[in-house]
């Protein structure tokens, strides 16, 4: 399934600006996080340089997602990255330590501009992919946007050349534009769109079990500053529940 979804993304080696928007629909508690963790690994192998996971509106959900990403992609305990002890390798890190993705967030702290600046590497110069797991919160998104503008935008431009994959977990929660005036945009929706606008080459994938609001986004809504809304115009994939799934039925 992750191979199929990867095939629906754009080829990161393709030149010129591009932008794809998709949505993955899965049953409640049926393995959506496992699905996008696998997709992140394959996207990194394909050549995506920056991966942003916007995970839930609460700290505990963000921390939990970071732990899952640490085990399934980073391979190291992000909370102990600065320690020199050998037990910081976890999950996939116990199988292979040749590739080490960079994580700008950890399992106890959300994105922090001072810590991120301390890493000190512009995104264009990364040898390995970088990942951010952030809370769906307007202050966090604003900090990330400002930090990216400051450290990674091309000189004389506001855009970034690195390829980005944006995973929007619970894409129907807080990501939808809930302002109904003609040119009004709610804050988090506007910030996600601004983040996508900042990258010349990006893919957006919303993951949700309740996609009803997302498919009713106006596909023609376009804002000069923020670009298109988050309508999944490129693809929608429905995940089958696993054989051992225990659902409402």
C-alpha atoms as a PDB file:
ATOM      1  CA  UNK A   1       0.000   0.000   0.000  1.00  0.00           C
ATOM      2  CA  UNK A   2       2.820   2.436   0.842  1.00  0.00           C
ATOM      3  CA  UNK A   3       4.406   1.664  -2.553  1.00  0.00           C
ATOM      4  CA  UNK A   4       1.158   2.607  -4.245  1.00  0.00           C
ATOM      5  CA  UNK A   5       0.876   5.883  -2.290  1.00  0.00           C
ATOM      6  CA  UNK A   6       4.532   6.711  -2.997  1.00  0.00           C
ATOM      7  CA  UNK A   7       3.799   6.231  -6.697  1.00  0.00           C
ATOM      8  CA  UNK A   8       1.113   8.921  -6.447  1.00  0.00           C
ATOM      9  CA  UNK A   9       3.585  11.476  -5.076  1.00  0.00           C
ATOM     10  CA  UNK A  10       5.735  13.531  -7.428  1.00  0.00           C
ATOM     11  CA  UNK A  11       9.212  12.282  -8.301  1.00  0.00           C
ATOM     12  CA  UNK A  12      11.528  14.379  -6.069  1.00  0.00           C
ATOM     13  CA  UNK A  13      14.151  14.407  -8.843  1.00  0.00           C
ATOM     14  CA  UNK A  14      11.780  16.287 -11.165  1.00  0.00           C
ATOM     15  CA  UNK A  15      12.963  19.829 -11.850  1.00  0.00           C
ATOM     16  CA  UNK A  16      10.863  22.959 -11.760  1.00  0.00           C
ATOM     17  CA  UNK A  17       8.077  23.880  -9.348  1.00  0.00           C
ATOM     18  CA  UNK A  18       5.451  21.253  -8.543  1.00  0.00           C
ATOM     19  CA  UNK A  19       2.843  20.655  -5.912  1.00  0.00           C
ATOM     20  CA  UNK A  20       0.588  17.659  -5.296  1.00  0.00           C
ATOM     21  CA  UNK A  21      -2.299  17.339  -2.839  1.00  0.00           C
ATOM     22  CA  UNK A  22      -3.755  14.040  -1.708  1.00  0.00           C
ATOM     23  CA  UNK A  23      -5.678  12.349   1.054  1.00  0.00           C
ATOM     24  CA  UNK A  24      -5.516   8.917   2.713  1.00  0.00           C
ATOM     25  CA  UNK A  25      -8.680   7.624   4.364  1.00  0.00           C
ATOM     26  CA  UNK A  26      -8.424   4.785   6.884  1.00  0.00           C
ATOM     27  CA  UNK A  27     -10.560   3.261   9.610  1.00  0.00           C
ATOM     28  CA  UNK A  28     -10.309   4.519  13.177  1.00  0.00           C
ATOM     29  CA  UNK A  29      -7.313   3.000  15.026  1.00  0.00           C
ATOM     30  CA  UNK A  30      -6.440   0.743  12.108  1.00  0.00           C
ATOM     31  CA  UNK A  31      -2.805   1.615  11.382  1.00  0.00           C
ATOM     32  CA  UNK A  32      -2.760   5.037   9.690  1.00  0.00           C
ATOM     33  CA  UNK A  33       0.314   6.134  11.686  1.00  0.00           C
ATOM     34  CA  UNK A  34       2.106   2.917  10.724  1.00  0.00           C
ATOM     35  CA  UNK A  35       1.141   3.608   7.110  1.00  0.00           C
ATOM     36  CA  UNK A  36       2.606   7.107   6.994  1.00  0.00           C
ATOM     37  CA  UNK A  37       5.711   6.014   8.913  1.00  0.00           C
ATOM     38  CA  UNK A  38       6.362   3.480   6.156  1.00  0.00           C
ATOM     39  CA  UNK A  39       5.589   6.095   3.516  1.00  0.00           C
ATOM     40  CA  UNK A  40       8.058   8.539   5.120  1.00  0.00           C
ATOM     41  CA  UNK A  41      10.829   5.897   4.948  1.00  0.00           C
ATOM     42  CA  UNK A  42      10.167   5.256   1.257  1.00  0.00           C
ATOM     43  CA  UNK A  43       9.829   8.967   0.431  1.00  0.00           C
ATOM     44  CA  UNK A  44      13.211   9.595   2.087  1.00  0.00           C
ATOM     45  CA  UNK A  45      14.737   6.775   0.011  1.00  0.00           C
ATOM     46  CA  UNK A  46      13.194   8.301  -3.116  1.00  0.00           C
ATOM     47  CA  UNK A  47      14.870  11.645  -2.364  1.00  0.00           C
ATOM     48  CA  UNK A  48      12.503  13.847  -0.338  1.00  0.00           C
ATOM     49  CA  UNK A  49      14.698  16.115   1.785  1.00  0.00           C
ATOM     50  CA  UNK A  50      12.279  17.537   4.322  1.00  0.00           C
ATOM     51  CA  UNK A  51       9.365  15.791   5.996  1.00  0.00           C
ATOM     52  CA  UNK A  52       6.914  17.652   8.225  1.00  0.00           C
ATOM     53  CA  UNK A  53       4.335  15.719  10.242  1.00  0.00           C
ATOM     54  CA  UNK A  54       1.588  17.877  11.732  1.00  0.00           C
ATOM     55  CA  UNK A  55       0.301  15.632  14.491  1.00  0.00           C
ATOM     56  CA  UNK A  56      -2.834  16.443  16.454  1.00  0.00           C
ATOM     57  CA  UNK A  57      -3.743  19.500  18.490  1.00  0.00           C
ATOM     58  CA  UNK A  58      -2.571  18.156  21.877  1.00  0.00           C
ATOM     59  CA  UNK A  59       0.941  17.678  23.288  1.00  0.00           C
ATOM     60  CA  UNK A  60       0.399  14.041  24.279  1.00  0.00           C
ATOM     61  CA  UNK A  61      -0.607  13.081  20.730  1.00  0.00           C
ATOM     62  CA  UNK A  62       2.370  14.921  19.237  1.00  0.00           C
ATOM     63  CA  UNK A  63       4.781  13.273  21.701  1.00  0.00           C
ATOM     64  CA  UNK A  64       3.296   9.853  20.975  1.00  0.00           C
ATOM     65  CA  UNK A  65       3.648  10.399  17.218  1.00  0.00           C
ATOM     66  CA  UNK A  66       7.269  11.518  17.669  1.00  0.00           C
ATOM     67  CA  UNK A  67       8.009   8.282  19.571  1.00  0.00           C
ATOM     68  CA  UNK A  68       6.502   6.245  16.719  1.00  0.00           C
ATOM     69  CA  UNK A  69       8.550   8.208  14.146  1.00  0.00           C
ATOM     70  CA  UNK A  70      11.704   7.759  16.272  1.00  0.00           C
ATOM     71  CA  UNK A  71      11.200   3.993  16.233  1.00  0.00           C
ATOM     72  CA  UNK A  72      10.082   3.654  12.630  1.00  0.00           C
ATOM     73  CA  UNK A  73      12.196   6.244  10.800  1.00  0.00           C
ATOM     74  CA  UNK A  74      14.815   8.120  12.837  1.00  0.00           C
ATOM     75  CA  UNK A  75      16.126   5.020  14.638  1.00  0.00           C
ATOM     76  CA  UNK A  76      17.274   6.995  17.653  1.00  0.00           C
ATOM     77  CA  UNK A  77      15.606   8.169  20.830  1.00  0.00           C
ATOM     78  CA  UNK A  78      15.101  11.854  20.018  1.00  0.00           C
ATOM     79  CA  UNK A  79      14.880  12.795  23.707  1.00  0.00           C
ATOM     80  CA  UNK A  80      18.432  11.500  24.222  1.00  0.00           C
ATOM     81  CA  UNK A  81      20.086  12.659  21.022  1.00  0.00           C
ATOM     82  CA  UNK A  82      22.535  14.855  22.888  1.00  0.00           C
ATOM     83  CA  UNK A  83      23.639  12.043  25.200  1.00  0.00           C
ATOM     84  CA  UNK A  84      26.592   9.867  24.228  1.00  0.00           C
ATOM     85  CA  UNK A  85      25.164   6.608  25.591  1.00  0.00           C
ATOM     86  CA  UNK A  86      24.781   3.714  23.169  1.00  0.00           C
ATOM     87  CA  UNK A  87      21.249   2.861  24.263  1.00  0.00           C
ATOM     88  CA  UNK A  88      19.860   5.792  22.322  1.00  0.00           C
ATOM     89  CA  UNK A  89      19.383   3.547  19.239  1.00  0.00           C
ATOM     90  CA  UNK A  90      15.817   2.242  19.088  1.00  0.00           C
ATOM     91  CA  UNK A  91      13.510   0.589  16.566  1.00  0.00           C
ATOM     92  CA  UNK A  92      14.971   0.632  13.049  1.00  0.00           C
ATOM     93  CA  UNK A  93      18.249   2.026  14.451  1.00  0.00           C
ATOM     94  CA  UNK A  94      18.988  -1.408  15.888  1.00  0.00           C
ATOM     95  CA  UNK A  95      18.953  -2.936  12.399  1.00  0.00           C
ATOM     96  CA  UNK A  96      20.975  -0.375  10.486  1.00  0.00           C
ATOM     97  CA  UNK A  97      22.799   2.789  11.535  1.00  0.00           C
ATOM     98  CA  UNK A  98      24.280   3.833   8.190  1.00  0.00           C
ATOM     99  CA  UNK A  99      21.636   6.462   7.446  1.00  0.00           C
ATOM    100  CA  UNK A 100      20.649   8.824  10.211  1.00  0.00           C
ATOM    101  CA  UNK A 101      17.809  11.233   9.515  1.00  0.00           C
ATOM    102  CA  UNK A 102      17.964  14.531  11.351  1.00  0.00           C
ATOM    103  CA  UNK A 103      15.097  15.346  13.706  1.00  0.00           C
ATOM    104  CA  UNK A 104      14.426  18.944  14.681  1.00  0.00           C
ATOM    105  CA  UNK A 105      11.873  17.952  17.336  1.00  0.00           C
ATOM    106  CA  UNK A 106      12.003  15.350  20.097  1.00  0.00           C
ATOM    107  CA  UNK A 107       9.617  13.219  22.120  1.00  0.00           C
ATOM    108  CA  UNK A 108       9.454  15.668  25.020  1.00  0.00           C
ATOM    109  CA  UNK A 109       9.585  19.039  23.218  1.00  0.00           C
ATOM    110  CA  UNK A 110       7.807  20.449  20.223  1.00  0.00           C
ATOM    111  CA  UNK A 111       9.576  22.623  17.650  1.00  0.00           C
ATOM    112  CA  UNK A 112      11.767  25.257  19.286  1.00  0.00           C
ATOM    113  CA  UNK A 113      13.541  27.902  17.217  1.00  0.00           C
ATOM    114  CA  UNK A 114      16.580  28.098  19.505  1.00  0.00           C
ATOM    115  CA  UNK A 115      17.173  24.315  19.450  1.00  0.00           C
ATOM    116  CA  UNK A 116      16.583  24.185  15.680  1.00  0.00           C
ATOM    117  CA  UNK A 117      19.050  27.035  15.099  1.00  0.00           C
ATOM    118  CA  UNK A 118      21.557  25.138  17.251  1.00  0.00           C
ATOM    119  CA  UNK A 119      21.487  22.302  14.700  1.00  0.00           C
ATOM    120  CA  UNK A 120      22.858  24.982  12.380  1.00  0.00           C
ATOM    121  CA  UNK A 121      22.368  23.371   8.965  1.00  0.00           C
ATOM    122  CA  UNK A 122      20.412  25.031   6.135  1.00  0.00           C
ATOM    123  CA  UNK A 123      18.006  22.531   4.588  1.00  0.00           C
ATOM    124  CA  UNK A 124      19.738  22.764   1.195  1.00  0.00           C
ATOM    125  CA  UNK A 125      22.983  21.425   2.707  1.00  0.00           C
ATOM    126  CA  UNK A 126      21.505  18.333   4.354  1.00  0.00           C
ATOM    127  CA  UNK A 127      23.025  15.013   3.346  1.00  0.00           C
ATOM    128  CA  UNK A 128      20.235  13.074   5.010  1.00  0.00           C
ATOM    129  CA  UNK A 129      16.513  13.902   5.206  1.00  0.00           C
ATOM    130  CA  UNK A 130      15.232  16.028   8.090  1.00  0.00           C
ATOM    131  CA  UNK A 131      11.953  15.539   9.924  1.00  0.00           C
ATOM    132  CA  UNK A 132       9.798  17.830  12.056  1.00  0.00           C
ATOM    133  CA  UNK A 133       6.934  16.397  14.132  1.00  0.00           C
ATOM    134  CA  UNK A 134       4.926  19.411  15.258  1.00  0.00           C
ATOM    135  CA  UNK A 135       1.683  20.086  17.064  1.00  0.00           C
ATOM    136  CA  UNK A 136      -1.202  21.505  15.031  1.00  0.00           C
ATOM    137  CA  UNK A 137      -1.012  24.799  16.838  1.00  0.00           C
ATOM    138  CA  UNK A 138      -0.887  28.313  15.452  1.00  0.00           C
ATOM    139  CA  UNK A 139       2.124  29.390  17.570  1.00  0.00           C
ATOM    140  CA  UNK A 140       4.159  26.307  16.612  1.00  0.00           C
ATOM    141  CA  UNK A 141       3.343  26.769  12.934  1.00  0.00           C
ATOM    142  CA  UNK A 142       4.254  30.459  13.105  1.00  0.00           C
ATOM    143  CA  UNK A 143       7.607  29.645  14.738  1.00  0.00           C
ATOM    144  CA  UNK A 144       8.369  27.048  12.070  1.00  0.00           C
ATOM    145  CA  UNK A 145       7.429  29.420   9.236  1.00  0.00           C
ATOM    146  CA  UNK A 146       9.585  32.227  10.632  1.00  0.00           C
ATOM    147  CA  UNK A 147      12.525  29.893  11.244  1.00  0.00           C
ATOM    148  CA  UNK A 148      12.343  28.480   7.715  1.00  0.00           C
ATOM    149  CA  UNK A 149      12.201  31.975   6.192  1.00  0.00           C
ATOM    150  CA  UNK A 150      15.208  33.017   8.240  1.00  0.00           C
ATOM    151  CA  UNK A 151      17.439  29.986   7.656  1.00  0.00           C
ATOM    152  CA  UNK A 152      16.498  28.258   4.446  1.00  0.00           C
ATOM    153  CA  UNK A 153      14.866  30.633   1.965  1.00  0.00           C
ATOM    154  CA  UNK A 154      16.962  31.363  -1.113  1.00  0.00           C
ATOM    155  CA  UNK A 155      18.648  34.773  -1.149  1.00  0.00           C
ATOM    156  CA  UNK A 156      16.433  37.437  -2.615  1.00  0.00           C
ATOM    157  CA  UNK A 157      13.475  35.038  -2.534  1.00  0.00           C
ATOM    158  CA  UNK A 158      10.979  33.721  -0.033  1.00  0.00           C
ATOM    159  CA  UNK A 159      10.936  30.188  -1.418  1.00  0.00           C
ATOM    160  CA  UNK A 160      12.909  27.070  -0.515  1.00  0.00           C
ATOM    161  CA  UNK A 161      14.323  24.703  -3.096  1.00  0.00           C
ATOM    162  CA  UNK A 162      14.396  21.486  -0.989  1.00  0.00           C
ATOM    163  CA  UNK A 163      11.630  18.932  -1.681  1.00  0.00           C
ATOM    164  CA  UNK A 164       9.060  18.649   1.095  1.00  0.00           C
ATOM    165  CA  UNK A 165       6.520  16.008   2.090  1.00  0.00           C
ATOM    166  CA  UNK A 166       3.853  17.342   4.471  1.00  0.00           C
ATOM    167  CA  UNK A 167       1.790  14.768   6.387  1.00  0.00           C
ATOM    168  CA  UNK A 168      -1.309  16.284   8.002  1.00  0.00           C
ATOM    169  CA  UNK A 169      -2.569  13.829  10.623  1.00  0.00           C
ATOM    170  CA  UNK A 170      -6.279  14.142  11.527  1.00  0.00           C
ATOM    171  CA  UNK A 171      -6.599  16.366   8.453  1.00  0.00           C
ATOM    172  CA  UNK A 172     -10.228  17.228   9.204  1.00  0.00           C
ATOM    173  CA  UNK A 173      -9.350  18.661  12.629  1.00  0.00           C
ATOM    174  CA  UNK A 174      -8.271  22.340  12.631  1.00  0.00           C
ATOM    175  CA  UNK A 175      -6.821  22.187   9.086  1.00  0.00           C
ATOM    176  CA  UNK A 176     -10.099  23.091   7.377  1.00  0.00           C
ATOM    177  CA  UNK A 177     -10.839  26.728   6.563  1.00  0.00           C
ATOM    178  CA  UNK A 178     -13.819  27.441   8.825  1.00  0.00           C
ATOM    179  CA  UNK A 179     -14.215  31.105   7.839  1.00  0.00           C
ATOM    180  CA  UNK A 180     -17.080  31.456   5.394  1.00  0.00           C
ATOM    181  CA  UNK A 181     -16.431  35.002   4.137  1.00  0.00           C
ATOM    182  CA  UNK A 182     -15.185  35.252   0.566  1.00  0.00           C
ATOM    183  CA  UNK A 183     -11.563  36.195   1.254  1.00  0.00           C
ATOM    184  CA  UNK A 184     -11.306  35.049   4.856  1.00  0.00           C
ATOM    185  CA  UNK A 185      -9.044  32.216   5.918  1.00  0.00           C
ATOM    186  CA  UNK A 186      -8.863  30.655   9.394  1.00  0.00           C
ATOM    187  CA  UNK A 187      -5.439  30.796  10.963  1.00  0.00           C
ATOM    188  CA  UNK A 188      -4.146  27.191  10.970  1.00  0.00           C
ATOM    189  CA  UNK A 189      -5.511  26.552   7.477  1.00  0.00           C
ATOM    190  CA  UNK A 190      -3.701  29.686   6.268  1.00  0.00           C
ATOM    191  CA  UNK A 191      -0.442  28.676   7.950  1.00  0.00           C
ATOM    192  CA  UNK A 192      -0.447  25.184   6.400  1.00  0.00           C
ATOM    193  CA  UNK A 193      -1.057  26.736   2.984  1.00  0.00           C
ATOM    194  CA  UNK A 194       1.687  29.288   3.597  1.00  0.00           C
ATOM    195  CA  UNK A 195       4.092  26.462   4.487  1.00  0.00           C
ATOM    196  CA  UNK A 196       3.276  24.696   1.209  1.00  0.00           C
ATOM    197  CA  UNK A 197       3.676  27.957  -0.732  1.00  0.00           C
ATOM    198  CA  UNK A 198       7.128  28.425   0.756  1.00  0.00           C
ATOM    199  CA  UNK A 199       8.446  25.292  -0.978  1.00  0.00           C
ATOM    200  CA  UNK A 200       8.830  25.255  -4.740  1.00  0.00           C
ATOM    201  CA  UNK A 201       8.361  21.469  -4.727  1.00  0.00           C
ATOM    202  CA  UNK A 202       5.989  19.924  -2.217  1.00  0.00           C
ATOM    203  CA  UNK A 203       3.460  17.149  -1.600  1.00  0.00           C
ATOM    204  CA  UNK A 204       0.631  17.449   0.925  1.00  0.00           C
ATOM    205  CA  UNK A 205      -1.144  14.347   2.257  1.00  0.00           C
ATOM    206  CA  UNK A 206      -3.985  14.526   4.741  1.00  0.00           C
ATOM    207  CA  UNK A 207      -4.640  11.389   6.818  1.00  0.00           C
ATOM    208  CA  UNK A 208      -8.068  10.967   8.383  1.00  0.00           C
ATOM    209  CA  UNK A 209     -10.819   8.495   9.228  1.00  0.00           C
ATOM    210  CA  UNK A 210     -13.496  11.166   8.720  1.00  0.00           C
ATOM    211  CA  UNK A 211     -12.840  12.836   5.345  1.00  0.00           C
ATOM    212  CA  UNK A 212     -16.215  14.490   4.830  1.00  0.00           C
ATOM    213  CA  UNK A 213     -15.130  18.088   5.415  1.00  0.00           C
ATOM    214  CA  UNK A 214     -11.993  17.653   3.294  1.00  0.00           C
ATOM    215  CA  UNK A 215     -13.759  16.473   0.151  1.00  0.00           C
ATOM    216  CA  UNK A 216     -16.131  19.456   0.345  1.00  0.00           C
ATOM    217  CA  UNK A 217     -13.301  22.015   0.256  1.00  0.00           C
ATOM    218  CA  UNK A 218     -13.866  24.262  -2.754  1.00  0.00           C
ATOM    219  CA  UNK A 219     -11.291  23.040  -5.313  1.00  0.00           C
ATOM    220  CA  UNK A 220     -11.248  26.483  -6.951  1.00  0.00           C
ATOM    221  CA  UNK A 221     -10.444  28.499  -3.826  1.00  0.00           C
ATOM    222  CA  UNK A 222      -7.135  30.239  -4.444  1.00  0.00           C
ATOM    223  CA  UNK A 223      -5.574  33.037  -2.433  1.00  0.00           C
ATOM    224  CA  UNK A 224      -2.844  35.252  -3.861  1.00  0.00           C
ATOM    225  CA  UNK A 225      -0.752  35.033  -0.694  1.00  0.00           C
ATOM    226  CA  UNK A 226      -1.621  31.535   0.524  1.00  0.00           C
ATOM    227  CA  UNK A 227      -2.239  29.667  -2.715  1.00  0.00           C
ATOM    228  CA  UNK A 228      -4.764  26.880  -3.164  1.00  0.00           C
ATOM    229  CA  UNK A 229      -6.795  25.416  -0.342  1.00  0.00           C
ATOM    230  CA  UNK A 230      -6.135  21.839   0.825  1.00  0.00           C
ATOM    231  CA  UNK A 231      -8.568  20.050  -1.505  1.00  0.00           C
ATOM    232  CA  UNK A 232      -7.057  16.607  -2.360  1.00  0.00           C
ATOM    233  CA  UNK A 233      -7.025  17.249  -6.111  1.00  0.00           C
ATOM    234  CA  UNK A 234      -4.256  14.768  -6.998  1.00  0.00           C
ATOM    235  CA  UNK A 235      -5.420  11.547  -5.341  1.00  0.00           C
ATOM    236  CA  UNK A 236      -7.544   9.945  -2.612  1.00  0.00           C
ATOM    237  CA  UNK A 237      -6.597   6.481  -1.354  1.00  0.00           C
ATOM    238  CA  UNK A 238      -8.819   4.360   0.867  1.00  0.00           C
ATOM    239  CA  UNK A 239      -6.974   1.976   3.177  1.00  0.00           C
ATOM    240  CA  UNK A 240      -8.467  -1.441   3.827  1.00  0.00           C
ATOM    241  CA  UNK A 241      -8.452  -2.400   7.509  1.00  0.00           C
ATOM    242  CA  UNK A 242      -6.094  -5.259   8.396  1.00  0.00           C
ATOM    243  CA  UNK A 243      -7.542  -8.757   8.854  1.00  0.00           C
ATOM    244  CA  UNK A 244      -7.278  -8.509  12.645  1.00  0.00           C
ATOM    245  CA  UNK A 245      -9.006  -5.116  12.811  1.00  0.00           C
ATOM    246  CA  UNK A 246     -11.524  -4.767  15.628  1.00  0.00           C
ATOM    247  CA  UNK A 247     -13.886  -1.960  14.643  1.00  0.00           C
ATOM    248  CA  UNK A 248     -17.360  -0.714  15.434  1.00  0.00           C
ATOM    249  CA  UNK A 249     -19.006  -3.552  13.513  1.00  0.00           C
END
